[in-house]
Amino acid sequence: MLYDPGAVAKGGLATYSADYNEIGRQSAKYIHRILEGANPADFAVEGADKLSLVINLKTAKQIGIAIPETVLARADRIIE
């Protein structure tokens, strides 16, 4: 699953996945190479370079889940 900032902002508890913007940038690199004449069969498979952790504390509180401080410290974004 890709990171959908709207899902957590709309009440989802958390997501840990690739960012849509980063996937778009990687895709654009592939497209550019194809348009320049490269053969797609020659491309190495690439995964996301960075994963993002987003946590919605409001949702956690509503369902009675305490998110440990160590997890919160690693979050890229916290929605309060």
N, C-alpha and C. Protein backbone atom coordinates (compact mmCIF):
# COMPACT_ATOMS: atom_id res chain seq x y z
N MET A 1 0.84 -1.19 0.00
CA MET A 1 0.00 0.00 0.00
C MET A 1 0.89 1.24 0.00
N LEU A 2 0.54 2.17 -0.77
CA LEU A 2 1.29 3.42 -0.82
C LEU A 2 0.75 4.40 0.21
N TYR A 3 1.60 5.29 0.59
CA TYR A 3 1.24 6.31 1.57
C TYR A 3 0.20 7.25 1.00
N ASP A 4 -0.95 7.29 1.63
CA ASP A 4 -2.01 8.21 1.24
C ASP A 4 -2.20 9.19 2.39
N PRO A 5 -1.66 10.40 2.26
CA PRO A 5 -1.76 11.34 3.37
C PRO A 5 -3.20 11.62 3.77
N GLY A 6 -4.12 11.50 2.84
CA GLY A 6 -5.52 11.77 3.15
C GLY A 6 -6.14 10.70 4.04
N ALA A 7 -5.71 9.46 3.89
CA ALA A 7 -6.31 8.37 4.67
C ALA A 7 -6.08 8.55 6.17
N VAL A 8 -4.88 8.88 6.56
CA VAL A 8 -4.58 9.08 7.97
C VAL A 8 -5.17 10.41 8.44
N ALA A 9 -5.12 11.42 7.62
CA ALA A 9 -5.69 12.72 7.98
C ALA A 9 -7.20 12.63 8.16
N LYS A 10 -7.84 11.69 7.46
CA LYS A 10 -9.29 11.53 7.56
C LYS A 10 -9.71 10.57 8.66
N GLY A 11 -8.75 10.07 9.46
CA GLY A 11 -9.13 9.23 10.59
C GLY A 11 -8.45 7.87 10.64
N GLY A 12 -7.65 7.54 9.64
CA GLY A 12 -6.90 6.28 9.71
C GLY A 12 -5.90 6.35 10.85
N LEU A 13 -5.57 5.22 11.44
CA LEU A 13 -4.67 5.21 12.59
C LEU A 13 -3.23 5.52 12.19
N ALA A 14 -2.71 4.80 11.20
CA ALA A 14 -1.31 5.00 10.83
C ALA A 14 -1.03 4.39 9.47
N THR A 15 0.06 4.81 8.89
CA THR A 15 0.55 4.20 7.67
C THR A 15 2.07 4.22 7.69
N TYR A 16 2.65 3.17 7.15
CA TYR A 16 4.10 3.09 7.00
C TYR A 16 4.35 2.56 5.60
N SER A 17 4.63 3.46 4.71
CA SER A 17 4.76 3.05 3.32
C SER A 17 5.44 4.14 2.50
N ALA A 18 5.58 3.85 1.21
CA ALA A 18 6.19 4.80 0.30
C ALA A 18 5.26 5.99 0.07
N ASP A 19 5.86 7.11 -0.19
CA ASP A 19 5.13 8.34 -0.46
C ASP A 19 4.78 8.39 -1.95
N TYR A 20 3.54 8.77 -2.27
CA TYR A 20 3.11 8.89 -3.67
C TYR A 20 4.03 9.81 -4.48
N ASN A 21 4.47 10.89 -3.87
CA ASN A 21 5.34 11.83 -4.59
C ASN A 21 6.66 11.19 -4.96
N GLU A 22 7.22 10.40 -4.05
CA GLU A 22 8.49 9.73 -4.33
C GLU A 22 8.32 8.69 -5.43
N ILE A 23 7.23 7.95 -5.40
CA ILE A 23 6.96 6.95 -6.44
C ILE A 23 6.80 7.66 -7.79
N GLY A 24 6.16 8.81 -7.80
CA GLY A 24 6.01 9.58 -9.03
C GLY A 24 7.33 10.02 -9.60
N ARG A 25 8.25 10.47 -8.73
CA ARG A 25 9.58 10.88 -9.18
C ARG A 25 10.33 9.70 -9.79
N GLN A 26 10.25 8.54 -9.13
CA GLN A 26 10.93 7.36 -9.66
C GLN A 26 10.33 6.96 -11.01
N SER A 27 9.02 7.03 -11.12
CA SER A 27 8.36 6.68 -12.38
C SER A 27 8.77 7.63 -13.50
N ALA A 28 8.88 8.90 -13.17
CA ALA A 28 9.28 9.89 -14.17
C ALA A 28 10.68 9.59 -14.71
N LYS A 29 11.57 9.11 -13.86
CA LYS A 29 12.91 8.74 -14.32
C LYS A 29 12.84 7.61 -15.34
N TYR A 30 12.02 6.60 -15.06
CA TYR A 30 11.85 5.49 -16.00
C TYR A 30 11.26 5.98 -17.32
N ILE A 31 10.25 6.81 -17.25
CA ILE A 31 9.60 7.32 -18.45
C ILE A 31 10.58 8.13 -19.29
N HIS A 32 11.37 8.95 -18.62
CA HIS A 32 12.38 9.75 -19.34
C HIS A 32 13.35 8.84 -20.09
N ARG A 33 13.81 7.79 -19.42
CA ARG A 33 14.75 6.86 -20.07
C ARG A 33 14.11 6.16 -21.26
N ILE A 34 12.84 5.78 -21.13
CA ILE A 34 12.14 5.13 -22.23
C ILE A 34 12.00 6.08 -23.41
N LEU A 35 11.63 7.33 -23.14
CA LEU A 35 11.48 8.32 -24.20
C LEU A 35 12.81 8.64 -24.88
N GLU A 36 13.90 8.45 -24.16
CA GLU A 36 15.22 8.66 -24.73
C GLU A 36 15.69 7.44 -25.54
N GLY A 37 14.89 6.36 -25.53
CA GLY A 37 15.22 5.20 -26.34
C GLY A 37 15.69 3.96 -25.60
N ALA A 38 15.73 4.00 -24.28
CA ALA A 38 16.18 2.84 -23.51
C ALA A 38 15.15 1.72 -23.58
N ASN A 39 15.62 0.50 -23.48
CA ASN A 39 14.75 -0.67 -23.49
C ASN A 39 14.30 -0.97 -22.06
N PRO A 40 12.99 -0.93 -21.78
CA PRO A 40 12.51 -1.19 -20.42
C PRO A 40 12.92 -2.55 -19.87
N ALA A 41 13.14 -3.53 -20.73
CA ALA A 41 13.56 -4.86 -20.27
C ALA A 41 14.95 -4.83 -19.64
N ASP A 42 15.72 -3.78 -19.93
CA ASP A 42 17.07 -3.66 -19.38
C ASP A 42 17.10 -2.96 -18.02
N PHE A 43 15.98 -2.45 -17.56
CA PHE A 43 15.94 -1.71 -16.30
C PHE A 43 15.98 -2.66 -15.11
N ALA A 44 16.69 -2.26 -14.08
CA ALA A 44 16.66 -2.98 -12.82
C ALA A 44 15.37 -2.60 -12.08
N VAL A 45 14.85 -3.52 -11.32
CA VAL A 45 13.65 -3.24 -10.53
C VAL A 45 14.09 -2.44 -9.30
N GLU A 46 13.40 -1.35 -9.06
CA GLU A 46 13.73 -0.49 -7.92
C GLU A 46 12.55 -0.43 -6.97
N GLY A 47 12.85 -0.39 -5.71
CA GLY A 47 11.83 -0.17 -4.70
C GLY A 47 11.89 1.26 -4.22
N ALA A 48 11.02 1.59 -3.32
CA ALA A 48 11.01 2.94 -2.76
C ALA A 48 12.29 3.18 -1.97
N ASP A 49 12.85 4.36 -2.12
CA ASP A 49 14.06 4.71 -1.40
C ASP A 49 13.78 5.04 0.06
N LYS A 50 12.58 5.53 0.32
CA LYS A 50 12.25 5.99 1.67
C LYS A 50 10.81 5.62 2.00
N LEU A 51 10.61 5.15 3.21
CA LEU A 51 9.26 4.89 3.71
C LEU A 51 8.94 5.95 4.75
N SER A 52 7.66 6.30 4.85
CA SER A 52 7.24 7.32 5.80
C SER A 52 6.26 6.73 6.80
N LEU A 53 6.43 7.09 8.06
CA LEU A 53 5.52 6.67 9.12
C LEU A 53 4.67 7.87 9.51
N VAL A 54 3.36 7.72 9.36
CA VAL A 54 2.42 8.78 9.73
C VAL A 54 1.46 8.20 10.76
N ILE A 55 1.26 8.90 11.87
CA ILE A 55 0.40 8.43 12.96
C ILE A 55 -0.63 9.49 13.29
N ASN A 56 -1.86 9.04 13.48
CA ASN A 56 -2.95 9.93 13.87
C ASN A 56 -3.23 9.71 15.35
N LEU A 57 -2.76 10.61 16.21
CA LEU A 57 -2.94 10.47 17.65
C LEU A 57 -4.40 10.65 18.08
N LYS A 58 -5.13 11.45 17.34
CA LYS A 58 -6.55 11.64 17.66
C LYS A 58 -7.30 10.31 17.52
N THR A 59 -7.04 9.59 16.44
CA THR A 59 -7.68 8.29 16.24
C THR A 59 -7.22 7.30 17.30
N ALA A 60 -5.94 7.29 17.61
CA ALA A 60 -5.42 6.39 18.64
C ALA A 60 -6.12 6.62 19.97
N LYS A 61 -6.30 7.88 20.32
CA LYS A 61 -6.97 8.20 21.59
C LYS A 61 -8.43 7.75 21.55
N GLN A 62 -9.11 7.96 20.44
CA GLN A 62 -10.52 7.57 20.32
C GLN A 62 -10.74 6.08 20.48
N ILE A 63 -9.78 5.26 20.01
CA ILE A 63 -9.96 3.81 20.12
C ILE A 63 -9.19 3.22 21.29
N GLY A 64 -8.58 4.08 22.10
CA GLY A 64 -7.93 3.63 23.33
C GLY A 64 -6.57 2.98 23.15
N ILE A 65 -5.84 3.41 22.15
CA ILE A 65 -4.50 2.87 21.92
C ILE A 65 -3.47 3.92 22.33
N ALA A 66 -2.50 3.48 23.13
CA ALA A 66 -1.39 4.36 23.51
C ALA A 66 -0.21 4.05 22.59
N ILE A 67 0.24 5.06 21.88
CA ILE A 67 1.38 4.89 20.98
C ILE A 67 2.65 5.19 21.79
N PRO A 68 3.58 4.24 21.87
CA PRO A 68 4.80 4.47 22.66
C PRO A 68 5.60 5.67 22.15
N GLU A 69 6.26 6.35 23.07
CA GLU A 69 7.07 7.52 22.71
C GLU A 69 8.17 7.16 21.71
N THR A 70 8.71 5.95 21.82
CA THR A 70 9.77 5.54 20.90
C THR A 70 9.25 5.47 19.46
N VAL A 71 7.99 5.07 19.29
CA VAL A 71 7.38 5.02 17.96
C VAL A 71 7.10 6.44 17.47
N LEU A 72 6.57 7.27 18.35
CA LEU A 72 6.28 8.66 17.98
C LEU A 72 7.56 9.40 17.58
N ALA A 73 8.67 9.08 18.24
CA ALA A 73 9.93 9.75 17.92
C ALA A 73 10.41 9.39 16.51
N ARG A 74 10.01 8.24 16.02
CA ARG A 74 10.44 7.80 14.68
C ARG A 74 9.47 8.25 13.58
N ALA A 75 8.32 8.77 13.94
CA ALA A 75 7.30 9.16 12.96
C ALA A 75 7.78 10.34 12.13
N ASP A 76 7.45 10.28 10.84
CA ASP A 76 7.76 11.40 9.95
C ASP A 76 6.70 12.50 10.08
N ARG A 77 5.51 12.10 10.47
CA ARG A 77 4.41 13.06 10.63
C ARG A 77 3.47 12.54 11.70
N ILE A 78 3.03 13.42 12.59
CA ILE A 78 2.06 13.07 13.63
C ILE A 78 0.88 14.01 13.49
N ILE A 79 -0.30 13.43 13.41
CA ILE A 79 -1.53 14.23 13.35
C ILE A 79 -2.14 14.23 14.73
N GLU A 80 -2.35 15.42 15.25
CA GLU A 80 -2.89 15.52 16.62
C GLU A 80 -4.32 16.00 16.62
